[in-house]
Amino acid sequence: MAQVLEFKLPDLGEGLTEAEIVRWLVQVGDVVAIDQPVVEVETAKAMVEVPCPYGGVVTARFGEEGTELPVGAPLLTVAVGAPVADGSAGTAGAGALDANEGSGNVLVGYGTGAPPARRRRVRPGEPVRSAAPAALGSVGTPAAPVTAPERPDGHGATTAAERPDGPVPVISPLVRRLARENGLDLRKLRGSGPDGLILRADVEHALRAATATAPAQASGTVTAPPAAAQAARSAPAVPAGQSAPAAGVASGTRVPLRGVRGAVADKLSRSRREIPDATCWVDADATELMNARTAMNAAGGPKISLLALLARICTAALARFPELNSTVDMEAREVVRLEQVHLGFAAQTERGLVVPVVRDAHTRNAESLASEFARLTEAARTGTLTPAQLTGGTFTLNNYGVFGVDGSTPIINHPEAAMLGVGRIVPKPWVHGGELAVRQVVQLSLTFDHRVCDGGTAGGFLRYVADCVEQPAVLLRTL
């Protein structure tokens, strides 16, 4: 007899609380093997393929492509031990469907074995929900029990009297913030998620209900104060899926801050709030560096990128000025100087700005750095970077010269202490050997956390980088 197991969106690590379904890799009725990727999701960090820890027949999928789900929400259900579609004596999964056999991979909240069917205590007066999907072959959740008054999406609302004492079942901090900003008491809601989990849709439904008229108040639903209801009635109609503009704010297209764009907004805002940064810059003659790169690539072997040479210069500079490879612990009131250099580099992709991290960059030569930059850049372009490849950096190199600009004042990638910016390299008039000449000139800028050092250290770092750019032999003397 087949056992129906529910696979929930696992904890993807790095503090991520939700993910958006980008593409389903399986259909209802498909046979899946243990650890087979079943869905591609986009988190605030990267695009991730999620493997299923169970083997069997997919009986239901939860959520359409483009839907955002919190961690712990159901992704799909799998019938373990079900006969294959052709009715043969074998079972789906070719022997991999034993309920006691599980994935060798560790998913947070799943371990390495398929858990037994979870028993759920039924509250008095609550309808019993079946573990099997309501309709095999349909996409979405099985029919949920309805309590009056009924919501348009089929889920019932409830009041505080219907909820026993205990913690409010909310996973997503975004849901809590949305409720807090709108003065909504989450204790008066019962979520439509698994085991009453309160989702964003539940809060948005309650907020829409808050603008209902007096008859809705009599029915016991959450309502807004009369002034708010009057304002809502007099406000112009808003198309579905869009939020109404605040009073006094011009209307326009609203673009949600989520995914990579949302993560960038959060990190840069935090950097501006917490880090007292300062920027210094210098122009440098990069002619000799460009000549050195040309000579290295003419000698055969793997090609060395300009970014790799700049990264090698950065790691040498950080060895001389370790204050800039650090982080600040304000609770302990300490500057933590880091031994390893994990070098991040800014990469612009179709999904937005990402910062892949080259681990142990201080141990790599220019050839190794070039190879790792190429590998991570390709992963960024295809959206296959993992959260681990996007976190843990200690210093960032930002080559904004690829956008055709000369200078910038970079925002530090929190919680790092500094970022080196590199502008475009272009022919400019320059005094060389006492005479005016046309040279390849670049502007270098360093933004640093003034808590970890003063201008003398930052200037020394930047001057050393500029000296290596102008005379690459300086780098050889310090190796």
Protein backbone atom coordinates (compact mmCIF):
# COMPACT_ATOMS: atom_id res chain seq x y z
CA MET A 1 0.00 0.00 0.00
CA ALA A 2 1.36 3.39 -0.99
CA GLN A 3 2.34 5.86 1.69
CA VAL A 4 1.83 9.54 0.83
CA LEU A 5 4.68 11.73 2.10
CA GLU A 6 4.66 15.51 2.04
CA PHE A 7 7.85 17.30 1.04
CA LYS A 8 8.08 20.83 2.41
CA LEU A 9 10.32 23.66 1.28
CA PRO A 10 13.49 23.00 3.29
CA ASP A 11 15.60 25.51 5.14
CA LEU A 12 18.07 26.61 2.45
CA GLY A 13 20.44 28.15 4.99
CA GLU A 14 21.97 31.62 5.36
CA GLY A 15 18.89 32.90 7.21
CA LEU A 16 16.61 32.60 4.17
CA THR A 17 12.92 32.46 5.08
CA GLU A 18 11.19 32.19 1.70
CA ALA A 19 11.78 31.30 -1.93
CA GLU A 20 9.99 31.91 -5.21
CA ILE A 21 9.10 28.98 -7.49
CA VAL A 22 10.84 29.65 -10.80
CA ARG A 23 10.31 26.37 -12.66
CA TRP A 24 8.85 22.98 -11.83
CA LEU A 25 11.09 20.13 -12.99
CA VAL A 26 8.45 17.40 -12.51
CA GLN A 27 4.77 17.00 -13.32
CA VAL A 28 1.99 15.35 -11.34
CA GLY A 29 2.17 11.63 -12.10
CA ASP A 30 5.93 11.62 -12.75
CA VAL A 31 8.11 9.04 -11.03
CA VAL A 32 10.93 10.63 -9.05
CA ALA A 33 14.00 9.06 -7.53
CA ILE A 34 15.55 9.91 -4.20
CA ASP A 35 17.56 13.18 -4.39
CA GLN A 36 16.17 14.03 -7.84
CA PRO A 37 15.74 17.81 -8.32
CA VAL A 38 12.02 18.56 -8.49
CA VAL A 39 11.80 22.35 -8.50
CA GLU A 40 13.97 25.38 -9.20
CA VAL A 41 13.50 28.21 -6.71
CA GLU A 42 14.96 31.68 -6.42
CA THR A 43 16.00 32.91 -3.01
CA ALA A 44 17.40 36.25 -2.01
CA LYS A 45 20.84 34.73 -2.56
CA ALA A 46 20.72 32.55 -5.66
CA MET A 47 18.82 30.21 -7.93
CA VAL A 48 18.65 26.76 -6.32
CA GLU A 49 17.49 23.34 -7.52
CA VAL A 50 15.73 21.58 -4.64
CA PRO A 51 16.07 17.76 -4.50
CA CYS A 52 13.32 15.59 -3.07
CA PRO A 53 14.43 13.22 -0.27
CA TYR A 54 11.73 10.68 -1.21
CA GLY A 55 11.31 8.41 -4.21
CA GLY A 56 7.89 7.68 -5.65
CA VAL A 57 5.05 9.08 -7.74
CA VAL A 58 4.31 12.81 -7.58
CA THR A 59 0.66 13.14 -6.56
CA ALA A 60 0.35 16.91 -6.10
CA ARG A 61 2.34 20.11 -6.49
CA PHE A 62 1.81 23.14 -4.29
CA GLY A 63 2.17 26.53 -5.91
CA GLU A 64 2.39 27.80 -9.45
CA GLU A 65 5.56 29.20 -11.01
CA GLY A 66 6.08 32.72 -9.68
CA THR A 67 4.55 31.89 -6.30
CA GLU A 68 6.59 32.82 -3.21
CA LEU A 69 6.52 30.22 -0.43
CA PRO A 70 7.87 30.41 3.13
CA VAL A 71 10.25 27.81 4.48
CA GLY A 72 8.18 24.90 5.78
CA ALA A 73 5.34 25.29 3.27
CA PRO A 74 4.45 22.15 1.24
CA LEU A 75 6.15 21.76 -2.14
CA LEU A 76 4.69 18.44 -3.29
CA THR A 77 3.43 15.06 -2.12
CA VAL A 78 4.94 11.74 -3.15
CA ALA A 79 3.25 8.34 -3.04
CA VAL A 80 5.97 5.96 -1.86
CA GLY A 81 5.51 2.35 -2.94
CA ALA A 82 2.75 3.13 -5.48
CA PRO A 83 2.45 0.93 -8.61
CA VAL A 84 3.85 2.41 -11.81
CA ALA A 85 1.44 3.86 -14.35
CA ASP A 86 1.59 0.88 -16.74
CA GLY A 87 0.24 -1.41 -14.05
CA SER A 88 3.28 -3.70 -13.98
CA ALA A 89 4.21 -5.62 -10.91
CA GLY A 90 7.10 -3.33 -10.16
CA THR A 91 6.78 -0.24 -8.00
CA ALA A 92 7.73 3.32 -8.76
CA GLY A 93 11.29 4.28 -8.04
CA ALA A 94 12.80 0.90 -8.95
CA GLY A 95 13.38 -0.21 -5.42
CA ALA A 96 14.20 3.25 -4.11
CA LEU A 97 10.74 3.74 -2.65
CA ASP A 98 11.10 1.94 0.63
CA ALA A 99 9.70 4.31 3.19
CA ASN A 100 12.56 3.41 5.52
CA GLU A 101 15.13 4.29 2.87
CA GLY A 102 16.03 7.96 2.54
CA SER A 103 18.22 10.49 0.88
CA GLY A 104 21.94 10.53 1.42
CA ASN A 105 21.84 14.32 1.28
CA VAL A 106 21.01 16.32 4.37
CA LEU A 107 18.16 18.80 4.05
CA VAL A 108 17.58 20.94 7.10
CA GLY A 109 14.53 19.52 8.83
CA TYR A 110 14.72 16.18 6.97
CA GLY A 111 17.95 14.47 8.01
CA THR A 112 19.05 11.56 5.84
CA GLY A 113 16.05 9.28 6.14
CA ALA A 114 12.40 9.51 5.22
CA PRO A 115 10.48 10.28 8.41
CA PRO A 116 7.45 8.27 9.43
CA ALA A 117 4.04 9.70 8.74
CA ARG A 118 3.52 12.60 11.14
CA ARG A 119 0.56 12.41 13.43
CA ARG A 120 -1.43 15.55 13.88
CA ARG A 121 -3.65 16.28 16.86
CA VAL A 122 -7.12 17.30 15.78
CA ARG A 123 -8.61 20.16 17.73
CA PRO A 124 -12.19 19.85 18.93
CA GLY A 125 -14.64 20.88 16.23
CA GLU A 126 -11.99 20.88 13.50
CA PRO A 127 -12.58 18.76 10.36
CA VAL A 128 -10.06 15.97 9.79
CA ARG A 129 -7.80 16.57 6.79
CA SER A 130 -6.75 13.66 4.63
CA ALA A 131 -3.04 13.09 3.99
CA ALA A 132 -3.79 12.35 0.33
CA PRO A 133 -4.44 15.12 -2.19
CA ALA A 134 -8.05 15.98 -2.90
CA ALA A 135 -7.75 15.40 -6.63
CA LEU A 136 -4.89 13.44 -8.17
CA GLY A 137 -3.42 15.30 -11.11
CA SER A 138 -4.33 18.81 -9.98
CA VAL A 139 -1.79 21.48 -9.23
CA GLY A 140 -2.16 23.20 -5.87
CA THR A 141 -3.23 22.39 -2.37
CA PRO A 142 -5.95 19.93 -1.43
CA ALA A 143 -9.25 21.46 -0.38
CA ALA A 144 -8.94 23.05 3.06
CA PRO A 145 -11.62 22.92 5.76
CA VAL A 146 -13.90 25.94 5.60
CA THR A 147 -14.92 27.97 8.58
CA ALA A 148 -17.26 30.92 8.43
CA PRO A 149 -16.86 33.49 7.13
CA GLU A 150 -15.22 32.00 4.06
CA ARG A 151 -12.40 33.70 2.19
CA PRO A 152 -12.47 34.06 -1.57
CA ASP A 153 -9.54 31.65 -1.91
CA GLY A 154 -11.36 28.91 -0.03
CA HIS A 155 -9.67 29.33 3.37
CA GLY A 156 -11.64 30.31 6.42
CA ALA A 157 -10.92 33.17 8.79
CA THR A 158 -10.98 32.76 12.53
CA THR A 159 -10.94 34.89 15.62
CA ALA A 160 -8.74 34.87 18.69
CA ALA A 161 -11.36 32.85 20.56
CA GLU A 162 -10.85 29.99 18.11
CA ARG A 163 -7.08 29.83 18.65
CA PRO A 164 -5.76 28.09 21.76
CA ASP A 165 -3.09 29.84 23.78
CA GLY A 166 0.36 29.45 22.29
CA PRO A 167 2.83 31.04 19.88
CA VAL A 168 1.51 32.57 16.67
CA PRO A 169 2.47 30.24 13.78
CA VAL A 170 4.43 32.64 11.58
CA ILE A 171 7.75 31.77 9.93
CA SER A 172 8.39 34.70 7.65
CA PRO A 173 9.61 37.95 9.24
CA LEU A 174 8.13 39.75 6.24
CA VAL A 175 4.67 38.58 7.28
CA ARG A 176 5.23 39.82 10.84
CA ARG A 177 6.44 43.19 9.57
CA LEU A 178 3.49 43.55 7.21
CA ALA A 179 1.07 42.88 10.05
CA ARG A 180 2.92 45.17 12.47
CA GLU A 181 3.06 48.08 10.03
CA ASN A 182 -0.70 47.83 9.47
CA GLY A 183 -1.65 47.32 13.12
CA LEU A 184 -2.97 43.79 12.53
CA ASP A 185 -3.10 41.35 15.46
CA LEU A 186 -1.81 38.02 14.15
CA ARG A 187 -3.42 36.22 17.06
CA LYS A 188 -6.78 36.89 15.45
CA LEU A 189 -5.87 35.00 12.29
CA ARG A 190 -5.60 31.38 11.39
CA GLY A 191 -3.29 30.76 8.49
CA SER A 192 -4.03 28.82 5.36
CA GLY A 193 -0.61 27.17 5.42
CA PRO A 194 0.24 23.77 6.89
CA ASP A 195 -0.87 23.39 10.52
CA GLY A 196 -2.32 26.89 10.47
CA LEU A 197 0.88 28.61 9.28
CA ILE A 198 0.08 32.28 8.60
CA LEU A 199 1.15 33.28 5.09
CA ARG A 200 1.45 36.66 3.42
CA ALA A 201 -1.79 36.00 1.57
CA ASP A 202 -3.62 35.61 4.90
CA VAL A 203 -2.40 38.99 6.15
CA GLU A 204 -3.24 40.68 2.86
CA HIS A 205 -6.74 39.16 2.96
CA ALA A 206 -7.25 40.42 6.51
CA LEU A 207 -6.11 43.91 5.48
CA ARG A 208 -8.55 43.90 2.59
CA ALA A 209 -11.27 42.79 4.97
CA ALA A 210 -10.39 45.75 7.20
CA THR A 211 -11.86 48.06 4.56
CA ALA A 212 -15.20 46.23 4.51
CA THR A 213 -18.48 47.98 5.31
CA ALA A 214 -20.61 47.74 8.45
CA PRO A 215 -22.35 44.48 7.42
CA ALA A 216 -18.94 42.84 7.32
CA GLN A 217 -18.31 44.12 10.85
CA ALA A 218 -21.42 42.36 12.06
CA SER A 219 -20.16 39.07 10.64
CA GLY A 220 -17.19 39.12 13.01
CA THR A 221 -14.36 39.73 10.53
CA VAL A 222 -11.46 42.07 11.23
CA THR A 223 -12.49 45.64 10.31
CA ALA A 224 -10.80 49.00 10.08
CA PRO A 225 -11.72 52.12 12.00
CA PRO A 226 -14.53 54.19 10.41
CA ALA A 227 -12.10 56.80 9.13
CA ALA A 228 -9.98 54.18 7.40
CA ALA A 229 -13.05 52.51 5.92
CA GLN A 230 -14.34 55.88 4.62
CA ALA A 231 -10.95 56.61 3.05
CA ALA A 232 -10.91 53.17 1.47
CA ARG A 233 -14.39 53.69 -0.02
CA SER A 234 -13.45 57.06 -1.48
CA ALA A 235 -10.11 55.85 -2.88
CA PRO A 236 -9.88 55.01 -6.58
CA ALA A 237 -9.98 51.36 -7.59
CA VAL A 238 -6.59 49.61 -7.64
CA PRO A 239 -5.89 46.85 -10.17
CA ALA A 240 -5.51 43.35 -8.75
CA GLY A 241 -2.01 42.55 -7.56
CA GLN A 242 -1.09 46.21 -6.90
CA SER A 243 -0.99 48.13 -3.66
CA ALA A 244 -2.87 51.38 -3.21
CA PRO A 245 -0.60 54.46 -3.07
CA ALA A 246 -0.18 56.15 0.28
CA ALA A 247 -1.87 59.50 0.87
CA GLY A 248 0.04 62.33 -0.77
CA VAL A 249 2.20 59.94 -2.83
CA ALA A 250 2.03 60.10 -6.63
CA SER A 251 0.76 56.93 -8.25
CA GLY A 252 3.03 54.83 -10.43
CA THR A 253 4.24 51.34 -11.18
CA ARG A 254 5.19 49.43 -8.04
CA VAL A 255 8.02 46.90 -8.33
CA PRO A 256 8.33 44.46 -5.39
CA LEU A 257 11.69 44.45 -3.62
CA ARG A 258 12.25 40.73 -3.46
CA GLY A 259 14.73 38.13 -4.63
CA VAL A 260 18.17 39.46 -5.46
CA ARG A 261 16.93 43.08 -5.69
CA GLY A 262 15.45 42.82 -2.20
CA ALA A 263 18.60 41.28 -0.75
CA VAL A 264 20.74 44.04 -2.29
CA ALA A 265 18.41 46.70 -0.88
CA ASP A 266 18.55 45.20 2.62
CA LYS A 267 22.33 44.80 2.65
CA LEU A 268 23.15 48.24 1.26
CA SER A 269 20.67 49.93 3.59
CA ARG A 270 22.22 48.17 6.55
CA SER A 271 25.69 49.19 5.40
CA ARG A 272 24.67 52.84 5.24
CA ARG A 273 23.01 52.68 8.67
CA GLU A 274 25.82 50.93 10.54
CA ILE A 275 29.12 51.73 8.82
CA PRO A 276 30.72 55.20 9.02
CA ASP A 277 32.44 54.95 5.64
CA ALA A 278 34.87 57.26 3.90
CA THR A 279 36.30 57.20 0.38
CA CYS A 280 39.67 58.14 -1.05
CA TRP A 281 40.82 57.79 -4.65
CA VAL A 282 43.84 58.18 -6.90
CA ASP A 283 44.59 58.15 -10.64
CA ALA A 284 47.19 55.61 -11.76
CA ASP A 285 49.09 54.92 -14.97
CA ALA A 286 48.09 51.34 -15.87
CA THR A 287 50.17 51.16 -19.07
CA GLU A 288 52.82 48.87 -17.62
CA LEU A 289 50.20 46.59 -16.04
CA MET A 290 48.46 46.23 -19.41
CA ASN A 291 51.82 45.49 -21.08
CA ALA A 292 52.61 42.88 -18.43
CA ARG A 293 49.26 41.16 -18.99
CA THR A 294 49.84 41.12 -22.74
CA ALA A 295 53.27 39.53 -22.26
CA MET A 296 51.92 36.91 -19.84
CA ASN A 297 49.16 35.86 -22.22
CA ALA A 298 51.55 35.80 -25.21
CA ALA A 299 53.69 33.22 -23.40
CA GLY A 300 50.97 30.58 -23.76
CA GLY A 301 48.95 28.76 -21.15
CA PRO A 302 45.68 29.89 -19.56
CA LYS A 303 44.76 33.51 -20.20
CA ILE A 304 45.16 35.90 -17.28
CA SER A 305 42.36 38.43 -16.87
CA LEU A 306 42.91 41.99 -15.74
CA LEU A 307 40.59 41.31 -12.80
CA ALA A 308 42.85 38.46 -11.71
CA LEU A 309 45.90 40.75 -11.71
CA LEU A 310 44.04 43.38 -9.70
CA ALA A 311 42.89 40.70 -7.27
CA ARG A 312 46.49 39.51 -6.82
CA ILE A 313 47.51 43.10 -6.09
CA CYS A 314 44.65 43.38 -3.56
CA THR A 315 45.70 40.29 -1.62
CA ALA A 316 49.29 41.55 -1.46
CA ALA A 317 48.05 44.94 -0.22
CA LEU A 318 45.87 43.33 2.43
CA ALA A 319 48.89 41.41 3.72
CA ARG A 320 50.60 44.76 4.31
CA PHE A 321 47.46 46.48 5.67
CA PRO A 322 45.46 43.74 7.51
CA GLU A 323 43.21 46.33 9.17
CA LEU A 324 41.14 46.43 5.98
CA ASN A 325 40.53 42.67 6.02
CA SER A 326 38.40 42.76 9.14
CA THR A 327 34.94 43.19 10.58
CA VAL A 328 33.54 45.10 13.55
CA ASP A 329 31.77 43.48 16.50
CA MET A 330 29.99 46.40 18.15
CA GLU A 331 28.46 44.27 20.91
CA ALA A 332 31.93 43.27 22.08
CA ARG A 333 33.35 46.61 20.90
CA GLU A 334 36.12 44.83 19.03
CA VAL A 335 37.65 44.91 15.56
CA VAL A 336 38.10 41.33 14.37
CA ARG A 337 41.06 41.01 11.99
CA LEU A 338 40.59 38.00 9.73
CA GLU A 339 43.38 35.63 8.77
CA GLN A 340 41.93 34.41 5.47
CA VAL A 341 41.13 36.66 2.52
CA HIS A 342 37.86 35.60 0.91
CA LEU A 343 37.68 38.02 -2.00
CA GLY A 344 34.27 39.03 -3.33
CA PHE A 345 33.86 40.60 -6.74
CA ALA A 346 30.82 42.45 -8.01
CA ALA A 347 29.10 40.85 -11.01
CA GLN A 348 26.13 42.35 -12.83
CA THR A 349 23.65 39.74 -14.08
CA GLU A 350 20.16 39.72 -15.55
CA ARG A 351 18.87 38.96 -12.04
CA GLY A 352 20.72 41.92 -10.55
CA LEU A 353 24.00 42.61 -8.80
CA VAL A 354 25.61 39.61 -7.10
CA VAL A 355 28.95 39.26 -5.30
CA PRO A 356 30.49 35.79 -5.70
CA VAL A 357 33.33 35.01 -3.30
CA VAL A 358 36.72 33.50 -4.14
CA ARG A 359 37.74 31.48 -1.08
CA ASP A 360 41.31 31.77 0.24
CA ALA A 361 42.28 34.27 -2.44
CA HIS A 362 45.50 35.04 -0.56
CA THR A 363 46.80 31.53 -1.36
CA ARG A 364 46.15 31.75 -5.11
CA ASN A 365 48.35 33.01 -7.92
CA ALA A 366 47.10 35.03 -10.88
CA GLU A 367 46.37 31.93 -12.97
CA SER A 368 44.32 30.31 -10.20
CA LEU A 369 42.44 33.55 -9.56
CA ALA A 370 41.62 33.92 -13.27
CA SER A 371 40.25 30.37 -13.40
CA GLU A 372 38.08 30.87 -10.31
CA PHE A 373 36.78 34.22 -11.54
CA ALA A 374 35.77 32.62 -14.83
CA ARG A 375 34.00 29.73 -13.08
CA LEU A 376 32.06 31.92 -10.67
CA THR A 377 31.18 34.47 -13.37
CA GLU A 378 29.66 31.73 -15.52
CA ALA A 379 27.69 30.43 -12.54
CA ALA A 380 26.45 33.97 -11.87
CA ARG A 381 25.41 34.38 -15.50
CA THR A 382 23.42 31.12 -15.48
CA GLY A 383 21.95 31.75 -12.01
CA THR A 384 23.46 28.61 -10.47
CA LEU A 385 25.48 30.21 -7.67
CA THR A 386 24.81 28.63 -4.30
CA PRO A 387 24.24 30.67 -1.12
CA ALA A 388 27.66 29.51 0.13
CA GLN A 389 29.32 31.02 -2.95
CA LEU A 390 27.66 34.38 -2.28
CA THR A 391 28.49 34.79 1.40
CA GLY A 392 31.50 34.90 3.70
CA GLY A 393 33.52 37.54 1.87
CA THR A 394 36.07 39.61 3.78
CA PHE A 395 36.96 42.21 1.09
CA THR A 396 35.31 43.17 -2.21
CA LEU A 397 36.81 44.18 -5.56
CA ASN A 398 34.39 46.17 -7.74
CA ASN A 399 35.33 46.69 -11.39
CA TYR A 400 32.72 49.27 -12.41
CA GLY A 401 34.91 50.31 -15.34
CA VAL A 402 33.06 47.72 -17.45
CA PHE A 403 30.11 50.16 -17.40
CA GLY A 404 32.23 52.85 -19.05
CA VAL A 405 32.61 55.07 -15.98
CA ASP A 406 35.77 56.49 -14.46
CA GLY A 407 34.96 56.72 -10.77
CA SER A 408 32.52 55.82 -8.02
CA THR A 409 32.11 55.84 -4.25
CA PRO A 410 31.26 52.17 -3.54
CA ILE A 411 29.03 51.15 -0.65
CA ILE A 412 30.77 48.63 1.59
CA ASN A 413 29.44 45.08 1.42
CA HIS A 414 28.34 44.65 5.06
CA PRO A 415 29.90 43.32 7.30
CA GLU A 416 33.19 43.83 5.49
CA ALA A 417 35.45 46.80 6.22
CA ALA A 418 36.46 47.99 2.75
CA MET A 419 35.91 47.82 -1.00
CA LEU A 420 38.29 48.70 -3.83
CA GLY A 421 36.66 50.23 -6.92
CA VAL A 422 38.32 50.22 -10.35
CA GLY A 423 37.22 52.54 -13.15
CA ARG A 424 37.72 52.17 -16.88
CA ILE A 425 41.24 52.20 -18.32
CA VAL A 426 41.40 54.78 -21.09
CA PRO A 427 44.09 56.74 -22.96
CA LYS A 428 44.70 60.11 -21.30
CA PRO A 429 47.44 62.75 -21.32
CA TRP A 430 49.96 61.93 -18.61
CA VAL A 431 53.38 63.17 -17.60
CA HIS A 432 55.73 60.20 -18.09
CA GLY A 433 59.51 60.47 -17.83
CA GLY A 434 59.25 64.21 -17.55
CA GLU A 435 57.34 64.54 -20.81
CA LEU A 436 53.67 64.73 -21.73
CA ALA A 437 52.51 61.43 -23.21
CA VAL A 438 49.34 59.48 -23.87
CA ARG A 439 49.09 56.70 -21.28
CA GLN A 440 46.49 54.16 -20.15
CA VAL A 441 45.04 55.77 -17.00
CA VAL A 442 42.69 54.29 -14.41
CA GLN A 443 41.02 55.78 -11.34
CA LEU A 444 41.12 53.66 -8.17
CA SER A 445 38.85 54.36 -5.22
CA LEU A 446 38.79 52.82 -1.75
CA THR A 447 35.78 53.03 0.54
CA PHE A 448 36.64 51.95 4.08
CA ASP A 449 35.07 51.62 7.50
CA HIS A 450 36.51 54.47 9.55
CA ARG A 451 36.07 52.40 12.71
CA VAL A 452 38.79 49.93 11.70
CA CYS A 453 41.44 52.46 10.62
CA ASP A 454 42.17 56.08 9.85
CA GLY A 455 43.03 57.81 6.61
CA GLY A 456 46.72 57.05 6.90
CA THR A 457 46.16 53.29 6.69
CA ALA A 458 43.56 53.61 3.93
CA GLY A 459 45.83 55.95 1.96
CA GLY A 460 48.79 53.61 2.41
CA PHE A 461 46.75 50.68 1.07
CA LEU A 462 45.53 52.64 -1.94
CA ARG A 463 48.98 54.04 -2.70
CA TYR A 464 50.48 50.55 -2.62
CA VAL A 465 47.80 49.29 -5.03
CA ALA A 466 48.47 52.24 -7.36
CA ASP A 467 52.25 51.61 -7.24
CA CYS A 468 51.70 47.96 -8.23
CA VAL A 469 49.43 49.04 -11.10
CA GLU A 470 52.00 51.56 -12.35
CA GLN A 471 55.02 49.33 -11.76
CA PRO A 472 54.10 45.63 -11.53
CA ALA A 473 57.67 44.89 -10.46
CA VAL A 474 56.77 46.40 -7.07
CA LEU A 475 54.53 43.38 -6.51
CA LEU A 476 57.38 41.00 -7.35
CA ARG A 477 59.64 42.66 -4.79
CA THR A 478 57.12 42.07 -2.01
CA LEU A 479 56.38 38.38 -2.76
